[in-house]
Amino acid sequence: MLFYFVWQTDDKGVFSTTLSEEYSLMARTFNLTEEQVWNLTFKSIDYIFGGENLKDDLKELWKTEKEKIISSL
């Protein structure tokens, strides 16, 4: 069986966390590399509430940011 998931937080006020903190916790908990975390964030763009043009634009932007993001970790 194959399934996809998207890591998110939509109750920031309730849990006093940010999406960045959630991704960090996920990486530590599941022993993920920076590349694996980046791939998850990239794939999550497919599941946003937005049109295909917006998704394509975000994917292009995210690709250009990849090296800066990973090298800063």
C-alpha atoms as a PDB file:
ATOM      1  CA  MET A   1       0.000   0.000   0.000  1.00  0.00           C
ATOM      2  CA  LEU A   2       1.296   3.437  -0.902  1.00  0.00           C
ATOM      3  CA  PHE A   3       0.151   6.627   0.787  1.00  0.00           C
ATOM      4  CA  TYR A   4       1.262  10.232   1.069  1.00  0.00           C
ATOM      5  CA  PHE A   5       1.206  12.569   4.003  1.00  0.00           C
ATOM      6  CA  VAL A   6       1.741  16.265   4.551  1.00  0.00           C
ATOM      7  CA  TRP A   7       3.211  17.576   7.784  1.00  0.00           C
ATOM      8  CA  GLN A   8       1.412  20.668   8.997  1.00  0.00           C
ATOM      9  CA  THR A   9       0.258  22.593  11.973  1.00  0.00           C
ATOM     10  CA  ASP A  10      -3.006  24.444  11.843  1.00  0.00           C
ATOM     11  CA  ASP A  11      -3.409  25.012  15.576  1.00  0.00           C
ATOM     12  CA  LYS A  12      -0.457  27.296  16.266  1.00  0.00           C
ATOM     13  CA  GLY A  13      -2.311  29.092  19.031  1.00  0.00           C
ATOM     14  CA  VAL A  14      -3.346  25.878  20.763  1.00  0.00           C
ATOM     15  CA  PHE A  15      -0.004  24.089  20.594  1.00  0.00           C
ATOM     16  CA  SER A  16       2.336  27.123  20.705  1.00  0.00           C
ATOM     17  CA  THR A  17       4.428  25.880  17.795  1.00  0.00           C
ATOM     18  CA  THR A  18       5.400  26.828  14.278  1.00  0.00           C
ATOM     19  CA  LEU A  19       5.574  24.758  11.128  1.00  0.00           C
ATOM     20  CA  SER A  20       9.373  25.035  11.250  1.00  0.00           C
ATOM     21  CA  GLU A  21       9.394  23.609  14.778  1.00  0.00           C
ATOM     22  CA  GLU A  22       7.105  20.790  13.646  1.00  0.00           C
ATOM     23  CA  TYR A  23       9.422  19.922  10.739  1.00  0.00           C
ATOM     24  CA  SER A  24      12.399  19.958  13.095  1.00  0.00           C
ATOM     25  CA  LEU A  25      10.623  17.639  15.513  1.00  0.00           C
ATOM     26  CA  MET A  26       9.650  15.332  12.649  1.00  0.00           C
ATOM     27  CA  ALA A  27      13.243  15.207  11.370  1.00  0.00           C
ATOM     28  CA  ARG A  28      14.621  14.339  14.804  1.00  0.00           C
ATOM     29  CA  THR A  29      11.888  11.828  15.600  1.00  0.00           C
ATOM     30  CA  PHE A  30      12.146   9.941  12.315  1.00  0.00           C
ATOM     31  CA  ASN A  31      15.875  10.499  11.762  1.00  0.00           C
ATOM     32  CA  LEU A  32      15.334  12.307   8.461  1.00  0.00           C
ATOM     33  CA  THR A  33      18.067  13.986   6.474  1.00  0.00           C
ATOM     34  CA  GLU A  34      17.806  17.582   5.320  1.00  0.00           C
ATOM     35  CA  GLU A  35      17.208  16.294   1.786  1.00  0.00           C
ATOM     36  CA  GLN A  36      14.323  14.104   2.957  1.00  0.00           C
ATOM     37  CA  VAL A  37      12.720  16.983   4.819  1.00  0.00           C
ATOM     38  CA  TRP A  38      13.103  19.247   1.802  1.00  0.00           C
ATOM     39  CA  ASN A  39      11.482  16.597  -0.416  1.00  0.00           C
ATOM     40  CA  LEU A  40       8.535  16.397   1.968  1.00  0.00           C
ATOM     41  CA  THR A  41       8.093  20.165   1.955  1.00  0.00           C
ATOM     42  CA  PHE A  42       8.327  20.227  -1.838  1.00  0.00           C
ATOM     43  CA  LYS A  43       5.747  17.455  -2.235  1.00  0.00           C
ATOM     44  CA  SER A  44       3.380  19.245   0.152  1.00  0.00           C
ATOM     45  CA  ILE A  45       2.904  21.975  -2.468  1.00  0.00           C
ATOM     46  CA  ASP A  46       0.753  19.497  -4.407  1.00  0.00           C
ATOM     47  CA  TYR A  47      -1.800  19.553  -1.589  1.00  0.00           C
ATOM     48  CA  ILE A  48      -2.304  23.280  -1.012  1.00  0.00           C
ATOM     49  CA  PHE A  49      -5.607  24.955  -1.723  1.00  0.00           C
ATOM     50  CA  GLY A  50      -4.578  26.710  -4.912  1.00  0.00           C
ATOM     51  CA  GLY A  51      -4.617  26.359  -8.653  1.00  0.00           C
ATOM     52  CA  GLU A  52      -2.042  24.531 -10.726  1.00  0.00           C
ATOM     53  CA  ASN A  53      -0.375  27.791 -11.819  1.00  0.00           C
ATOM     54  CA  LEU A  54       0.200  28.775  -8.201  1.00  0.00           C
ATOM     55  CA  LYS A  55       1.540  25.314  -7.397  1.00  0.00           C
ATOM     56  CA  ASP A  56       3.909  25.449 -10.368  1.00  0.00           C
ATOM     57  CA  ASP A  57       5.147  28.905  -9.335  1.00  0.00           C
ATOM     58  CA  LEU A  58       5.728  27.776  -5.757  1.00  0.00           C
ATOM     59  CA  LYS A  59       7.605  24.687  -6.910  1.00  0.00           C
ATOM     60  CA  GLU A  60       9.919  26.794  -9.054  1.00  0.00           C
ATOM     61  CA  LEU A  61      10.524  29.183  -6.158  1.00  0.00           C
ATOM     62  CA  TRP A  62      11.146  26.300  -3.758  1.00  0.00           C
ATOM     63  CA  LYS A  63      13.644  24.740  -6.176  1.00  0.00           C
ATOM     64  CA  THR A  64      15.618  27.997  -6.306  1.00  0.00           C
ATOM     65  CA  GLU A  65      15.669  28.169  -2.506  1.00  0.00           C
ATOM     66  CA  LYS A  66      16.762  24.567  -1.959  1.00  0.00           C
ATOM     67  CA  GLU A  67      20.516  25.132  -1.695  1.00  0.00           C
ATOM     68  CA  LYS A  68      20.111  28.135   0.605  1.00  0.00           C
ATOM     69  CA  ILE A  69      17.737  26.235   2.855  1.00  0.00           C
ATOM     70  CA  ILE A  70      19.720  23.032   3.108  1.00  0.00           C
ATOM     71  CA  SER A  71      23.076  24.773   3.536  1.00  0.00           C
ATOM     72  CA  SER A  72      21.667  26.838   6.417  1.00  0.00           C
ATOM     73  CA  LEU A  73      20.717  23.770   8.443  1.00  0.00           C
END
